[in-house]
Protein backbone atom coordinates (compact mmCIF):
# COMPACT_ATOMS: atom_id res chain seq x y z
CA MET A 1 76.83 51.07 123.65
CA ASN A 2 80.41 51.01 124.96
CA LYS A 3 80.38 50.90 128.76
CA ASN A 4 82.97 53.68 129.04
CA ILE A 5 80.91 55.97 126.78
CA PHE A 6 77.77 55.15 128.77
CA ALA A 7 79.54 56.01 132.03
CA VAL A 8 80.69 59.35 130.62
CA LEU A 9 77.15 60.17 129.49
CA VAL A 10 75.70 59.32 132.89
CA ALA A 11 78.35 61.40 134.64
CA GLY A 12 77.57 64.30 132.33
CA MET A 13 73.86 64.06 133.05
CA VAL A 14 74.52 64.03 136.80
CA LEU A 15 76.78 67.06 136.45
CA MET A 16 74.15 68.95 134.43
CA SER A 17 71.50 68.09 137.03
CA SER A 18 73.74 69.45 139.76
CA VAL A 19 74.43 72.62 137.82
CA PHE A 20 70.70 73.14 137.17
CA ALA A 21 69.86 72.55 140.83
CA ALA A 22 72.55 75.00 141.93
CA PHE A 23 71.26 77.55 139.42
CA ALA A 24 67.70 77.15 140.70
CA ASP A 25 68.82 77.45 144.32
CA ASP A 26 70.86 80.53 143.47
CA LEU A 27 67.82 82.20 141.90
CA HIS A 28 65.13 81.21 144.33
CA GLY A 29 66.75 80.16 147.56
CA LYS A 30 66.20 76.66 148.89
CA GLY A 31 62.55 75.81 149.38
CA ALA A 32 61.22 78.73 147.30
CA ALA A 33 59.71 78.41 143.83
CA GLY A 34 60.17 82.07 142.90
CA ALA A 35 59.93 85.58 144.25
CA VAL A 36 58.05 88.86 144.07
CA TYR A 37 59.67 92.26 144.56
CA ILE A 38 58.01 95.58 145.38
CA MET A 39 59.48 99.05 145.81
CA THR A 40 58.75 101.34 148.75
CA ASN A 41 59.50 104.55 146.78
CA ALA A 42 60.06 106.32 150.11
CA ALA A 43 61.49 109.83 149.97
CA ASP A 44 63.93 109.24 152.85
CA GLU A 45 65.26 105.86 151.66
CA ASN A 46 64.02 103.79 148.76
CA GLN A 47 63.93 100.04 149.39
CA VAL A 48 63.00 96.85 147.59
CA ILE A 49 61.00 94.35 149.66
CA VAL A 50 61.50 90.68 148.80
CA PHE A 51 58.84 87.97 149.06
CA ASP A 52 59.53 84.29 148.55
CA ARG A 53 56.89 82.49 146.47
CA ASP A 54 55.98 78.90 147.27
CA ARG A 55 54.62 76.40 144.75
CA THR A 56 51.02 77.26 145.63
CA GLY A 57 51.63 80.91 144.73
CA ARG A 58 51.56 82.26 148.27
CA LEU A 59 54.12 84.81 149.39
CA THR A 60 56.21 85.16 152.53
CA MET A 61 58.22 88.30 153.28
CA ALA A 62 61.93 87.44 153.10
CA GLY A 63 63.68 90.77 153.65
CA ALA A 64 64.43 94.18 152.20
CA ALA A 65 67.33 95.84 150.41
CA SER A 66 68.13 99.54 150.16
CA THR A 67 68.59 101.05 146.71
CA HIS A 68 70.91 103.62 148.33
CA GLY A 69 68.77 106.26 146.68
CA THR A 70 65.51 108.06 147.40
CA GLY A 71 62.02 107.69 146.01
CA SER A 72 59.42 110.32 145.31
CA GLY A 73 57.11 109.82 148.30
CA GLY A 74 53.74 111.49 147.75
CA ASP A 75 50.28 110.00 147.34
CA LEU A 76 48.85 106.99 145.50
CA ASP A 77 50.58 106.26 142.16
CA PRO A 78 53.06 109.16 142.41
CA LEU A 79 55.16 107.94 139.47
CA ALA A 80 52.12 107.40 137.22
CA SER A 81 54.02 104.66 135.45
CA GLN A 82 54.48 100.97 134.71
CA ASN A 83 57.84 99.11 135.00
CA SER A 84 59.55 101.25 137.62
CA LEU A 85 60.96 97.95 138.93
CA VAL A 86 62.04 95.31 136.37
CA LEU A 87 63.90 92.02 136.10
CA THR A 88 66.21 91.15 133.23
CA GLN A 89 65.10 88.30 130.98
CA ASN A 90 67.46 85.85 132.71
CA ASN A 91 66.25 86.98 136.16
CA ARG A 92 69.84 87.66 137.22
CA TRP A 93 69.44 91.40 137.73
CA LEU A 94 66.73 93.60 139.22
CA LEU A 95 66.63 97.27 138.26
CA ALA A 96 64.84 100.01 140.21
CA VAL A 97 64.29 103.73 139.65
CA ASN A 98 65.08 106.23 142.38
CA ALA A 99 62.71 109.02 141.38
CA GLY A 100 63.79 111.37 144.17
CA SER A 101 67.55 111.13 143.67
CA ARG A 102 67.39 110.77 139.86
CA GLU A 103 69.14 107.41 139.78
CA ILE A 104 68.88 103.78 138.71
CA SER A 105 69.91 100.99 141.08
CA VAL A 106 70.91 97.48 139.95
CA PHE A 107 70.70 94.44 142.22
CA ARG A 108 72.15 90.99 141.70
CA VAL A 109 69.45 88.38 142.39
CA GLY A 110 70.96 85.55 144.44
CA ARG A 111 70.27 82.87 146.99
CA LYS A 112 70.97 85.23 149.87
CA GLY A 113 68.62 87.89 148.53
CA LEU A 114 69.47 91.08 146.69
CA GLU A 115 72.95 92.53 146.46
CA LEU A 116 73.45 96.08 145.18
CA ALA A 117 75.70 95.96 142.13
CA ASP A 118 75.51 99.54 140.86
CA LYS A 119 73.78 102.89 141.13
CA VAL A 120 74.01 105.54 138.40
CA ASP A 121 72.51 108.86 137.42
CA SER A 122 69.42 108.37 135.25
CA GLY A 123 70.39 111.11 132.81
CA GLY A 124 67.33 113.23 133.56
CA GLU A 125 64.72 114.14 136.14
CA LEU A 126 62.11 111.87 137.73
CA PRO A 127 62.97 108.43 136.29
CA VAL A 128 59.71 106.45 136.27
CA SER A 129 60.03 103.44 133.92
CA LEU A 130 62.70 101.02 132.73
CA ALA A 131 63.08 98.83 129.64
CA VAL A 132 65.57 95.94 129.36
CA GLN A 133 66.53 93.91 126.29
CA ASP A 134 69.59 91.66 126.67
CA ASN A 135 72.37 94.09 127.71
CA LEU A 136 70.51 97.25 126.68
CA VAL A 137 68.64 99.38 129.21
CA TYR A 138 66.54 102.50 128.63
CA VAL A 139 65.03 104.74 131.28
CA LEU A 140 62.12 107.11 130.88
CA ASN A 141 62.80 110.40 132.67
CA ALA A 142 59.39 112.08 132.96
CA GLY A 143 60.24 115.27 134.84
CA GLY A 144 61.80 118.58 133.86
CA SER A 145 62.79 118.26 130.23
CA PRO A 146 61.63 114.67 129.58
CA ASN A 147 63.83 112.19 127.75
CA ILE A 148 64.77 108.57 127.29
CA ALA A 149 68.36 107.63 128.10
CA GLY A 150 70.22 104.45 127.19
CA PHE A 151 72.78 102.29 129.02
CA PHE A 152 74.79 99.09 128.59
CA LEU A 153 74.35 96.52 131.38
CA ASN A 154 77.60 94.56 131.69
CA HIS A 155 78.18 91.08 133.14
CA ARG A 156 78.98 92.56 136.55
CA GLY A 157 75.69 94.42 136.75
CA ARG A 158 77.23 97.80 136.04
CA LEU A 159 75.30 100.34 133.96
CA VAL A 160 77.40 102.22 131.42
CA PRO A 161 75.71 105.38 130.07
CA ARG A 162 75.50 105.78 126.30
CA ALA A 163 75.87 109.44 125.44
CA ASP A 164 74.60 108.74 121.90
CA ALA A 165 71.41 107.08 123.21
CA VAL A 166 69.65 110.06 124.81
CA ARG A 167 66.54 111.36 123.04
CA PRO A 168 64.53 114.39 124.20
CA LEU A 169 60.76 114.20 124.50
CA ALA A 170 58.24 117.01 124.20
CA LEU A 171 56.44 118.02 127.36
CA GLY A 172 53.74 115.48 128.14
CA GLY A 173 52.62 112.86 130.64
CA TYR A 174 54.74 109.78 130.01
CA SER A 175 54.01 106.44 131.67
CA GLN A 176 56.16 103.66 130.21
CA VAL A 177 59.10 102.85 127.99
CA GLY A 178 59.53 99.33 126.58
CA PHE A 179 61.18 97.23 123.87
CA ASP A 180 59.21 95.15 121.44
CA PRO A 181 60.15 91.42 121.69
CA ARG A 182 62.53 91.54 118.71
CA GLY A 183 64.33 94.61 119.98
CA ASP A 184 63.54 96.54 116.80
CA HIS A 185 61.51 99.33 118.40
CA LEU A 186 61.28 101.29 121.62
CA VAL A 187 57.77 102.33 122.66
CA VAL A 188 56.73 105.23 124.94
CA THR A 189 53.17 106.06 126.04
CA ASP A 190 52.04 109.66 126.51
CA ARG A 191 48.79 109.64 128.49
CA ALA A 192 48.50 113.44 128.52
CA ASP A 193 48.45 113.84 124.73
CA ASN A 194 46.78 110.50 123.91
CA GLU A 195 49.77 109.43 121.85
CA ILE A 196 52.03 106.42 121.45
CA LEU A 197 55.62 107.11 120.42
CA VAL A 198 57.75 104.51 118.62
CA PHE A 199 61.50 104.86 118.13
CA PRO A 200 62.89 102.46 115.49
CA LEU A 201 66.23 101.05 116.70
CA ASP A 202 69.33 100.43 114.59
CA ARG A 203 71.62 97.40 114.90
CA ARG A 204 73.46 99.01 117.80
CA GLY A 205 70.22 99.57 119.69
CA LEU A 206 70.25 103.32 119.07
CA PRO A 207 66.86 105.03 118.66
CA SER A 208 65.94 107.17 115.69
CA SER A 209 66.52 110.87 116.27
CA THR A 210 62.77 111.49 116.51
CA PRO A 211 59.92 109.09 117.23
CA ILE A 212 57.07 108.04 114.98
CA VAL A 213 54.00 109.43 116.75
CA SER A 214 50.61 107.72 116.45
CA ALA A 215 47.33 108.74 118.01
CA SER A 216 46.11 106.35 120.69
CA ALA A 217 42.93 104.45 119.85
CA GLY A 218 41.58 105.40 123.29
CA ILE A 219 42.05 107.97 126.02
CA ALA A 220 45.20 108.20 128.19
CA PRO A 221 47.39 105.26 127.06
CA PHE A 222 49.29 104.14 130.16
CA GLY A 223 50.90 100.71 130.67
CA PHE A 224 51.56 98.20 127.90
CA ILE A 225 52.82 94.70 127.19
CA PHE A 226 53.49 92.63 124.07
CA ASP A 227 51.82 89.32 123.24
CA GLU A 228 53.61 86.22 121.96
CA ARG A 229 53.37 87.45 118.35
CA GLY A 230 54.85 90.83 119.21
CA ASP A 231 51.58 92.79 119.03
CA LEU A 232 51.26 95.77 121.36
CA LEU A 233 48.54 95.76 124.04
CA VAL A 234 47.91 99.11 125.74
CA ALA A 235 45.84 99.84 128.85
CA GLU A 236 43.83 103.06 128.55
CA ALA A 237 43.38 104.90 131.85
CA GLY A 238 40.74 107.23 130.47
CA SER A 239 38.75 104.70 128.43
CA GLY A 240 38.58 101.80 130.85
CA ALA A 241 39.76 99.61 128.01
CA VAL A 242 42.62 97.87 126.20
CA SER A 243 43.61 98.49 122.59
CA SER A 244 45.92 96.34 120.46
CA TYR A 245 48.27 97.35 117.66
CA ARG A 246 50.78 95.91 115.23
CA ILE A 247 53.97 97.92 114.82
CA ARG A 248 54.86 98.42 111.18
CA GLN A 249 58.49 98.36 110.12
CA ASP A 250 58.63 102.16 109.94
CA GLY A 251 57.31 102.48 113.51
CA SER A 252 53.76 103.50 112.68
CA LEU A 253 50.89 101.62 114.33
CA ASN A 254 48.16 99.53 112.75
CA VAL A 255 45.15 99.28 115.07
CA LEU A 256 43.97 95.69 115.58
CA ASP A 257 41.37 96.15 118.32
CA ARG A 258 40.12 99.57 119.32
CA SER A 259 39.34 100.16 123.03
CA VAL A 260 37.95 96.82 124.17
CA SER A 261 36.04 98.10 127.19
CA ASN A 262 35.89 96.54 130.64
CA GLY A 263 33.43 99.09 132.05
CA GLN A 264 35.86 99.99 134.84
CA SER A 265 37.75 103.20 135.69
CA ALA A 266 41.47 104.07 135.80
CA THR A 267 42.58 101.05 133.76
CA CYS A 268 46.27 101.82 134.05
CA TRP A 269 48.30 98.62 134.50
CA ILE A 270 48.40 95.51 132.36
CA ALA A 271 50.00 92.07 132.61
CA GLY A 272 49.80 88.88 130.56
CA ASN A 273 51.21 85.38 130.19
CA ALA A 274 52.20 83.13 127.31
CA ASP A 275 48.79 81.41 127.34
CA GLY A 276 47.03 84.57 126.16
CA ASP A 277 45.60 85.54 129.56
CA VAL A 278 45.65 89.33 129.98
CA PHE A 279 44.74 91.32 133.08
CA THR A 280 44.27 95.00 133.88
CA ALA A 281 44.34 96.77 137.23
CA ASN A 282 41.47 99.27 137.40
CA THR A 283 42.43 101.44 140.35
CA GLY A 284 39.38 103.68 140.32
CA SER A 285 37.00 100.71 140.39
CA GLN A 286 39.09 98.69 142.84
CA THR A 287 39.04 95.74 140.45
CA ILE A 288 41.12 93.56 138.17
CA SER A 289 39.68 92.62 134.77
CA ALA A 290 40.48 89.52 132.72
CA TYR A 291 40.84 89.39 128.93
CA THR A 292 41.67 86.57 126.53
CA LEU A 293 43.74 86.85 123.37
CA MET A 294 41.89 85.18 120.52
CA ASN A 295 43.87 82.90 118.20
CA GLY A 296 47.14 84.64 119.02
CA HIS A 297 46.54 87.47 116.57
CA GLY A 298 46.37 90.46 118.91
CA HIS A 299 42.57 90.39 119.15
CA LEU A 300 41.09 90.67 122.63
CA THR A 301 37.85 89.60 124.20
CA LEU A 302 36.73 90.57 127.70
CA GLN A 303 36.31 87.49 129.87
CA GLU A 304 35.43 89.08 133.22
CA ALA A 305 35.09 92.77 134.02
CA THR A 306 35.56 91.96 137.72
CA ALA A 307 37.89 88.99 137.87
CA GLY A 308 39.52 90.10 141.11
CA LEU A 309 39.18 92.73 143.83
CA GLY A 310 41.58 95.01 145.67
CA ASN A 311 41.50 98.29 147.55
CA ARG A 312 43.47 100.36 145.03
CA PRO A 313 45.42 97.82 142.93
CA ILE A 314 48.18 99.32 140.82
CA ASP A 315 51.36 97.60 139.51
CA MET A 316 51.00 93.91 138.60
CA GLY A 317 53.25 90.99 137.74
CA ILE A 318 52.90 87.33 136.74
CA SER A 319 55.13 84.50 137.97
CA ILE A 320 57.61 83.00 135.53
CA ASN A 321 55.48 79.85 135.18
CA GLY A 322 52.46 81.97 134.16
CA ARG A 323 50.27 80.58 136.95
CA PHE A 324 50.09 83.39 139.51
CA LEU A 325 49.18 87.08 139.34
CA TYR A 326 50.25 89.63 141.94
CA ALA A 327 49.02 93.19 142.38
CA LEU A 328 50.54 95.91 144.54
CA ASP A 329 47.85 97.41 146.81
CA PRO A 330 49.40 100.38 148.64
CA ALA A 331 46.08 101.65 150.00
CA GLU A 332 45.76 98.32 151.83
CA GLN A 333 49.55 98.05 152.45
CA THR A 334 49.51 94.59 150.89
CA VAL A 335 50.31 92.51 147.83
CA ASP A 336 47.17 90.80 146.48
CA MET A 337 47.68 87.19 145.31
CA PHE A 338 45.73 85.28 142.65
CA GLU A 339 45.99 81.95 140.89
CA ILE A 340 45.36 82.00 137.13
CA GLU A 341 43.08 79.06 136.36
CA PRO A 342 43.40 77.06 133.09
CA ASP A 343 40.40 78.96 131.67
CA GLY A 344 42.06 82.32 132.44
CA ARG A 345 39.88 83.20 135.41
CA LEU A 346 41.35 84.22 138.76
CA SER A 347 41.13 82.48 142.12
CA ASP A 348 41.78 84.75 145.10
CA LEU A 349 44.66 83.56 147.28
CA GLY A 350 44.33 86.41 149.77
CA ALA A 351 46.83 89.17 150.50
CA VAL A 352 50.17 89.40 152.26
CA SER A 353 51.10 92.38 154.43
CA ALA A 354 53.91 94.42 152.91
CA GLY A 355 54.43 97.17 155.48
CA ILE A 356 54.38 99.84 152.79
CA SER A 357 53.00 103.36 152.50
CA ILE A 358 50.50 104.83 150.03
CA PHE A 359 53.30 106.02 147.71
CA ALA A 360 54.80 102.54 147.14
CA GLN A 361 55.16 101.74 143.44
CA GLY A 362 56.70 99.03 141.27
CA LEU A 363 56.34 95.24 141.26
CA ALA A 364 58.35 92.50 139.55
CA ALA A 365 57.73 88.75 139.75
CA ARG A 366 59.54 85.54 138.84
């Protein structure tokens, strides 16, 4: 190889290494492997508390940032939702609902912590859940006259409302809004009516005028995630179970597994990683259950009904490397920490004090 060409290649590799290192430092802060965020949801001033994550999965409180809005306050699980606090896919932006002041706040995630980039009206009452896909954002407004409302997220972290992307919902008890992995459908769970709503999306990301409504396989569908194949996994608060579905092109649901029971109560929150490890927070039983996805085809098997313990675990998140699970535990005023073992079981890493109140809600991890 020509020496000049070799020198250019080496210089390029060094430059790329420097850029990658700077990018990692900007995301995590020097010495940290990642972060976990929780939301206070306080009625006087909503805040996001930041924890640095080390390489062993343990957390250290690193600060707090005001959303410049207000939460709902109240009792345990006042929002009755999943994804009230979410990261964008590139981990550059963190979005939070302000249920009390009917707003959405956007933070830039940087080396010095969180920086507020924008705060906008949610387009309805009691925003409880957020969905992000590239530069599209939808919020679920569960109060008053419920709706979903859409926004563009620009490169500066500003949310631009889309007047043509607001869809009314019938009165119900709505817990989550979320995109499927391909961005073809928007899903909403209605725990009160035991229904799952699917809005097919057009090429501009606009939902159909009315949703395709399917009956839930179990009672009180609450939080949901998608597996690596794009199959829908739904936690059932009333069944103590998880059901799985495939979304047909028209938005209707094909049941894959019907209410795979864990024998626990208030199975509301669900989290999973790319290895097929799936976990539910069972608030009524004070437990976390572990499931395994079989052969990557949306079929679930219960591995451990009691894989982890908490006081009243609610929102959960998994680190970006898929190795650590975190559960918000407002009754204990902590975040519970677990390592996900290669066989999908959990090892308890203890808990970190969060200085929160019973009405805290929302957790995002990277």
